[in-house]
Amino acid sequence: MQFSTIMSKARIITVSAVALLAIYGFTDRLQRKGDTQQSSAKVGTGIGDKAPELAFMNADSTKVLKLSELRGKYVLIDFWASWCRPCRMENPNVVAAYDKYNQAKFKTGKGFEVFSVSLDRSRDAWKQAIAADGLKWKYHVSDLGFWNSKGAQLYGVNSIPMSFLIDPQGIIIAKNLRGMALHQELDKYIKSL
């Protein structure tokens, strides 16, 4: 009788241990699956892709600024140039969006930023256009490569202005937003009062 009681307790302990291991393994796999789904977006320039890293010198050529520094915010990656008339005509809209959304409360993320990538070849002309158009954000970068800009090549930019809106995780959620389309897209992510 004592042997069967010991075997019964041993069976209960074994079944409990197997059940706990199975539950732990199942939940661990679910958690890992969720983690990989968030990081599994391929790097590319399509909607739903993880935006490729951009890292170039600022307008004063004193510091490298990286797109990844802005993780956690909504970011408009704006390809433009001082010599591009349509770009210059769009700049007041980008400034208005920056003013309206930079400190806005979003459902996810901590604000809005503009990451301007210039296709200029003249640093002076580029800096003059930044000042003249009142582009007040600090993220202005360029390799002064004109149409051979490494950033433009990486993003497949063959005409400007061209823009990519990325979410706080760095995923592209919209492309080539101009005028009120930029405001309408950002409004989707604002906390309602």
C-alpha atoms as a PDB file:
ATOM      1  CA  MET A   1       0.000   0.000   0.000  1.00  0.00           C
ATOM      2  CA  GLN A   2       2.794   2.389   0.860  1.00  0.00           C
ATOM      3  CA  PHE A   3       4.527   1.690  -2.477  1.00  0.00           C
ATOM      4  CA  SER A   4       1.378   2.582  -4.453  1.00  0.00           C
ATOM      5  CA  THR A   5       0.975   5.806  -2.482  1.00  0.00           C
ATOM      6  CA  ILE A   6       4.571   6.758  -3.258  1.00  0.00           C
ATOM      7  CA  MET A   7       4.020   5.910  -6.957  1.00  0.00           C
ATOM      8  CA  SER A   8       0.819   7.925  -6.988  1.00  0.00           C
ATOM      9  CA  LYS A   9       2.569  10.981  -5.532  1.00  0.00           C
ATOM     10  CA  ALA A  10       5.466  10.504  -7.968  1.00  0.00           C
ATOM     11  CA  ARG A  11       3.006  10.352 -10.873  1.00  0.00           C
ATOM     12  CA  ILE A  12       1.262  13.553  -9.712  1.00  0.00           C
ATOM     13  CA  ILE A  13       4.600  15.356  -9.373  1.00  0.00           C
ATOM     14  CA  THR A  14       5.738  14.120 -12.805  1.00  0.00           C
ATOM     15  CA  VAL A  15       2.472  15.106 -14.508  1.00  0.00           C
ATOM     16  CA  SER A  16       2.573  18.531 -12.792  1.00  0.00           C
ATOM     17  CA  ALA A  17       6.174  19.108 -13.837  1.00  0.00           C
ATOM     18  CA  VAL A  18       5.435  18.121 -17.444  1.00  0.00           C
ATOM     19  CA  ALA A  19       2.383  20.396 -17.484  1.00  0.00           C
ATOM     20  CA  LEU A  20       4.365  23.345 -16.109  1.00  0.00           C
ATOM     21  CA  LEU A  21       7.151  22.803 -18.638  1.00  0.00           C
ATOM     22  CA  ALA A  22       4.624  22.591 -21.459  1.00  0.00           C
ATOM     23  CA  ILE A  23       2.877  25.788 -20.373  1.00  0.00           C
ATOM     24  CA  TYR A  24       6.196  27.623 -19.947  1.00  0.00           C
ATOM     25  CA  GLY A  25       7.433  26.449 -23.325  1.00  0.00           C
ATOM     26  CA  PHE A  26       4.185  27.445 -25.041  1.00  0.00           C
ATOM     27  CA  THR A  27       4.077  30.940 -23.544  1.00  0.00           C
ATOM     28  CA  ASP A  28       7.794  31.433 -24.210  1.00  0.00           C
ATOM     29  CA  ARG A  29       7.284  30.504 -27.874  1.00  0.00           C
ATOM     30  CA  LEU A  30       4.318  32.909 -28.118  1.00  0.00           C
ATOM     31  CA  GLN A  31       6.382  35.701 -26.609  1.00  0.00           C
ATOM     32  CA  ARG A  32       9.316  35.039 -28.966  1.00  0.00           C
ATOM     33  CA  LYS A  33       6.921  34.930 -31.923  1.00  0.00           C
ATOM     34  CA  GLY A  34       5.531  38.344 -30.937  1.00  0.00           C
ATOM     35  CA  ASP A  35       9.052  39.760 -30.582  1.00  0.00           C
ATOM     36  CA  THR A  36      10.113  38.481 -34.006  1.00  0.00           C
ATOM     37  CA  GLN A  37       6.949  39.771 -35.676  1.00  0.00           C
ATOM     38  CA  GLN A  38       7.805  43.291 -34.508  1.00  0.00           C
ATOM     39  CA  SER A  39      11.405  43.043 -35.700  1.00  0.00           C
ATOM     40  CA  SER A  40      10.757  40.903 -38.769  1.00  0.00           C
ATOM     41  CA  ALA A  41       9.834  43.756 -41.099  1.00  0.00           C
ATOM     42  CA  LYS A  42      12.275  43.698 -43.976  1.00  0.00           C
ATOM     43  CA  VAL A  43      14.404  46.737 -44.600  1.00  0.00           C
ATOM     44  CA  GLY A  44      13.148  48.513 -47.707  1.00  0.00           C
ATOM     45  CA  THR A  45      11.300  51.524 -49.015  1.00  0.00           C
ATOM     46  CA  GLY A  46       7.788  50.130 -49.392  1.00  0.00           C
ATOM     47  CA  ILE A  47       4.931  50.770 -47.007  1.00  0.00           C
ATOM     48  CA  GLY A  48       5.301  48.270 -44.168  1.00  0.00           C
ATOM     49  CA  ASP A  49       9.086  48.031 -44.588  1.00  0.00           C
ATOM     50  CA  LYS A  50      11.596  49.080 -41.973  1.00  0.00           C
ATOM     51  CA  ALA A  51      13.153  52.337 -43.201  1.00  0.00           C
ATOM     52  CA  PRO A  52      16.838  52.002 -44.118  1.00  0.00           C
ATOM     53  CA  GLU A  53      19.272  53.853 -41.875  1.00  0.00           C
ATOM     54  CA  LEU A  54      20.441  57.274 -42.998  1.00  0.00           C
ATOM     55  CA  ALA A  55      23.553  58.801 -41.431  1.00  0.00           C
ATOM     56  CA  PHE A  56      25.147  61.903 -42.946  1.00  0.00           C
ATOM     57  CA  MET A  57      26.836  65.130 -41.886  1.00  0.00           C
ATOM     58  CA  ASN A  58      24.702  68.043 -40.747  1.00  0.00           C
ATOM     59  CA  ALA A  59      24.607  71.366 -42.592  1.00  0.00           C
ATOM     60  CA  ASP A  60      27.563  72.752 -40.606  1.00  0.00           C
ATOM     61  CA  SER A  61      29.593  69.603 -41.279  1.00  0.00           C
ATOM     62  CA  THR A  62      30.206  69.235 -37.545  1.00  0.00           C
ATOM     63  CA  LYS A  63      28.238  66.092 -36.683  1.00  0.00           C
ATOM     64  CA  VAL A  64      26.781  62.964 -38.224  1.00  0.00           C
ATOM     65  CA  LEU A  65      23.026  62.780 -37.686  1.00  0.00           C
ATOM     66  CA  LYS A  66      21.292  59.396 -37.855  1.00  0.00           C
ATOM     67  CA  LEU A  67      17.690  58.593 -38.646  1.00  0.00           C
ATOM     68  CA  SER A  68      17.746  55.940 -35.902  1.00  0.00           C
ATOM     69  CA  GLU A  69      18.306  58.715 -33.297  1.00  0.00           C
ATOM     70  CA  LEU A  70      14.645  59.592 -33.817  1.00  0.00           C
ATOM     71  CA  ARG A  71      13.247  56.151 -32.933  1.00  0.00           C
ATOM     72  CA  GLY A  72      10.137  56.596 -30.807  1.00  0.00           C
ATOM     73  CA  LYS A  73       8.788  59.504 -32.894  1.00  0.00           C
ATOM     74  CA  TYR A  74       6.858  59.839 -36.106  1.00  0.00           C
ATOM     75  CA  VAL A  75       9.372  61.061 -38.678  1.00  0.00           C
ATOM     76  CA  LEU A  76       8.999  62.615 -42.100  1.00  0.00           C
ATOM     77  CA  ILE A  77      12.050  61.774 -44.200  1.00  0.00           C
ATOM     78  CA  ASP A  78      12.048  64.633 -46.692  1.00  0.00           C
ATOM     79  CA  PHE A  79      14.251  64.492 -49.801  1.00  0.00           C
ATOM     80  CA  TRP A  80      14.675  67.963 -51.309  1.00  0.00           C
ATOM     81  CA  ALA A  81      17.226  70.487 -52.618  1.00  0.00           C
ATOM     82  CA  SER A  82      17.705  74.250 -52.652  1.00  0.00           C
ATOM     83  CA  TRP A  83      17.601  74.304 -56.470  1.00  0.00           C
ATOM     84  CA  CYS A  84      14.293  72.373 -56.666  1.00  0.00           C
ATOM     85  CA  ARG A  85      11.391  74.806 -57.160  1.00  0.00           C
ATOM     86  CA  PRO A  86       8.638  72.259 -56.262  1.00  0.00           C
ATOM     87  CA  CYS A  87      10.592  71.417 -53.087  1.00  0.00           C
ATOM     88  CA  ARG A  88      10.826  75.052 -52.098  1.00  0.00           C
ATOM     89  CA  MET A  89       7.109  75.481 -52.759  1.00  0.00           C
ATOM     90  CA  GLU A  90       6.363  72.482 -50.493  1.00  0.00           C
ATOM     91  CA  ASN A  91       8.624  73.691 -47.657  1.00  0.00           C
ATOM     92  CA  PRO A  92       5.993  76.022 -46.078  1.00  0.00           C
ATOM     93  CA  ASN A  93       3.684  73.015 -45.724  1.00  0.00           C
ATOM     94  CA  VAL A  94       6.442  70.942 -44.080  1.00  0.00           C
ATOM     95  CA  VAL A  95       7.151  73.842 -41.691  1.00  0.00           C
ATOM     96  CA  ALA A  96       3.419  74.094 -40.866  1.00  0.00           C
ATOM     97  CA  ALA A  97       3.286  70.331 -40.175  1.00  0.00           C
ATOM     98  CA  TYR A  98       6.384  70.574 -37.980  1.00  0.00           C
ATOM     99  CA  ASP A  99       4.865  73.456 -36.005  1.00  0.00           C
ATOM    100  CA  LYS A 100       1.530  71.663 -35.611  1.00  0.00           C
ATOM    101  CA  TYR A 101       2.758  68.145 -34.748  1.00  0.00           C
ATOM    102  CA  ASN A 102       6.218  68.479 -33.183  1.00  0.00           C
ATOM    103  CA  GLN A 103       4.829  68.711 -29.651  1.00  0.00           C
ATOM    104  CA  ALA A 104       1.515  66.954 -30.334  1.00  0.00           C
ATOM    105  CA  LYS A 105       0.360  64.009 -28.228  1.00  0.00           C
ATOM    106  CA  PHE A 106       0.295  60.829 -30.301  1.00  0.00           C
ATOM    107  CA  LYS A 107      -1.441  57.531 -29.467  1.00  0.00           C
ATOM    108  CA  THR A 108       1.983  55.911 -29.706  1.00  0.00           C
ATOM    109  CA  GLY A 109       5.285  57.675 -29.986  1.00  0.00           C
ATOM    110  CA  LYS A 110       6.671  60.891 -28.605  1.00  0.00           C
ATOM    111  CA  GLY A 111       6.089  63.624 -31.127  1.00  0.00           C
ATOM    112  CA  PHE A 112       6.967  64.356 -34.721  1.00  0.00           C
ATOM    113  CA  GLU A 113      10.265  65.239 -36.349  1.00  0.00           C
ATOM    114  CA  VAL A 114      11.494  66.058 -39.845  1.00  0.00           C
ATOM    115  CA  PHE A 115      14.674  64.445 -41.182  1.00  0.00           C
ATOM    116  CA  SER A 116      15.640  66.484 -44.265  1.00  0.00           C
ATOM    117  CA  VAL A 117      17.975  64.916 -46.814  1.00  0.00           C
ATOM    118  CA  SER A 118      19.323  67.452 -49.284  1.00  0.00           C
ATOM    119  CA  LEU A 119      20.399  66.586 -52.811  1.00  0.00           C
ATOM    120  CA  ASP A 120      22.395  69.795 -53.011  1.00  0.00           C
ATOM    121  CA  ARG A 121      26.004  69.926 -54.145  1.00  0.00           C
ATOM    122  CA  SER A 122      26.694  73.362 -52.653  1.00  0.00           C
ATOM    123  CA  ARG A 123      26.773  73.595 -48.859  1.00  0.00           C
ATOM    124  CA  ASP A 124      26.273  77.376 -49.025  1.00  0.00           C
ATOM    125  CA  ALA A 125      23.166  77.176 -51.228  1.00  0.00           C
ATOM    126  CA  TRP A 126      21.772  74.425 -48.990  1.00  0.00           C
ATOM    127  CA  LYS A 127      22.309  76.437 -45.783  1.00  0.00           C
ATOM    128  CA  GLN A 128      20.864  79.588 -47.385  1.00  0.00           C
ATOM    129  CA  ALA A 129      17.703  77.691 -48.397  1.00  0.00           C
ATOM    130  CA  ILE A 130      17.315  76.266 -44.859  1.00  0.00           C
ATOM    131  CA  ALA A 131      17.457  79.798 -43.456  1.00  0.00           C
ATOM    132  CA  ALA A 132      15.318  81.422 -46.178  1.00  0.00           C
ATOM    133  CA  ASP A 133      12.553  78.814 -45.886  1.00  0.00           C
ATOM    134  CA  GLY A 134      12.602  78.771 -42.061  1.00  0.00           C
ATOM    135  CA  LEU A 135      13.343  75.034 -41.806  1.00  0.00           C
ATOM    136  CA  LYS A 136      13.766  75.172 -38.035  1.00  0.00           C
ATOM    137  CA  TRP A 137      14.292  71.492 -37.212  1.00  0.00           C
ATOM    138  CA  LYS A 138      17.838  70.349 -36.518  1.00  0.00           C
ATOM    139  CA  TYR A 139      17.891  67.202 -38.649  1.00  0.00           C
ATOM    140  CA  HIS A 140      19.330  68.462 -41.949  1.00  0.00           C
ATOM    141  CA  VAL A 141      21.762  66.087 -43.646  1.00  0.00           C
ATOM    142  CA  SER A 142      23.515  65.697 -46.984  1.00  0.00           C
ATOM    143  CA  ASP A 143      26.539  64.103 -48.591  1.00  0.00           C
ATOM    144  CA  LEU A 144      26.415  66.883 -51.232  1.00  0.00           C
ATOM    145  CA  GLY A 145      26.179  64.167 -53.880  1.00  0.00           C
ATOM    146  CA  PHE A 146      23.467  65.802 -56.036  1.00  0.00           C
ATOM    147  CA  TRP A 147      21.654  62.965 -57.888  1.00  0.00           C
ATOM    148  CA  ASN A 148      24.408  60.587 -56.749  1.00  0.00           C
ATOM    149  CA  SER A 149      23.382  61.135 -53.135  1.00  0.00           C
ATOM    150  CA  LYS A 150      23.805  57.861 -51.268  1.00  0.00           C
ATOM    151  CA  GLY A 151      20.590  58.528 -49.323  1.00  0.00           C
ATOM    152  CA  ALA A 152      18.597  59.109 -52.516  1.00  0.00           C
ATOM    153  CA  GLN A 153      20.050  55.962 -54.059  1.00  0.00           C
ATOM    154  CA  LEU A 154      19.259  53.925 -50.943  1.00  0.00           C
ATOM    155  CA  TYR A 155      15.635  55.099 -51.009  1.00  0.00           C
ATOM    156  CA  GLY A 156      15.229  54.885 -54.792  1.00  0.00           C
ATOM    157  CA  VAL A 157      14.565  58.615 -55.086  1.00  0.00           C
ATOM    158  CA  ASN A 158      14.630  59.742 -58.721  1.00  0.00           C
ATOM    159  CA  SER A 159      12.533  62.912 -58.386  1.00  0.00           C
ATOM    160  CA  ILE A 160      12.075  65.434 -55.614  1.00  0.00           C
ATOM    161  CA  PRO A 161      10.370  66.419 -53.448  1.00  0.00           C
ATOM    162  CA  MET A 162       9.923  62.887 -52.136  1.00  0.00           C
ATOM    163  CA  SER A 163       8.974  61.914 -48.606  1.00  0.00           C
ATOM    164  CA  PHE A 164       8.532  58.863 -46.415  1.00  0.00           C
ATOM    165  CA  LEU A 165       6.563  58.935 -43.150  1.00  0.00           C
ATOM    166  CA  ILE A 166       7.774  56.422 -40.582  1.00  0.00           C
ATOM    167  CA  ASP A 167       6.194  55.363 -37.312  1.00  0.00           C
ATOM    168  CA  PRO A 168       7.917  55.239 -33.891  1.00  0.00           C
ATOM    169  CA  GLN A 169       9.288  51.751 -34.670  1.00  0.00           C
ATOM    170  CA  GLY A 170      10.877  52.959 -37.909  1.00  0.00           C
ATOM    171  CA  ILE A 171       8.297  51.345 -40.213  1.00  0.00           C
ATOM    172  CA  ILE A 172       7.249  53.242 -43.350  1.00  0.00           C
ATOM    173  CA  ILE A 173       3.529  54.031 -43.084  1.00  0.00           C
ATOM    174  CA  ALA A 174       3.086  56.487 -45.987  1.00  0.00           C
ATOM    175  CA  LYS A 175       4.995  57.924 -48.923  1.00  0.00           C
ATOM    176  CA  ASN A 176       5.134  61.104 -50.952  1.00  0.00           C
ATOM    177  CA  LEU A 177       2.744  63.112 -48.790  1.00  0.00           C
ATOM    178  CA  ARG A 178       2.301  66.702 -49.958  1.00  0.00           C
ATOM    179  CA  GLY A 179       0.092  69.556 -48.881  1.00  0.00           C
ATOM    180  CA  MET A 180      -2.781  68.629 -46.589  1.00  0.00           C
ATOM    181  CA  ALA A 181      -2.201  64.897 -47.202  1.00  0.00           C
ATOM    182  CA  LEU A 182       0.671  65.054 -44.675  1.00  0.00           C
ATOM    183  CA  HIS A 183      -1.573  66.669 -42.052  1.00  0.00           C
ATOM    184  CA  GLN A 184      -4.403  64.211 -42.719  1.00  0.00           C
ATOM    185  CA  GLU A 185      -2.055  61.239 -42.322  1.00  0.00           C
ATOM    186  CA  LEU A 186      -0.565  62.546 -39.065  1.00  0.00           C
ATOM    187  CA  ASP A 187      -4.051  63.314 -37.694  1.00  0.00           C
ATOM    188  CA  LYS A 188      -4.764  59.549 -37.748  1.00  0.00           C
ATOM    189  CA  TYR A 189      -2.171  59.019 -35.008  1.00  0.00           C
ATOM    190  CA  ILE A 190      -3.007  61.946 -32.705  1.00  0.00           C
ATOM    191  CA  LYS A 191      -4.646  61.280 -29.337  1.00  0.00           C
ATOM    192  CA  SER A 192      -8.223  62.534 -29.353  1.00  0.00           C
ATOM    193  CA  LEU A 193      -9.147  64.928 -26.574  1.00  0.00           C
END
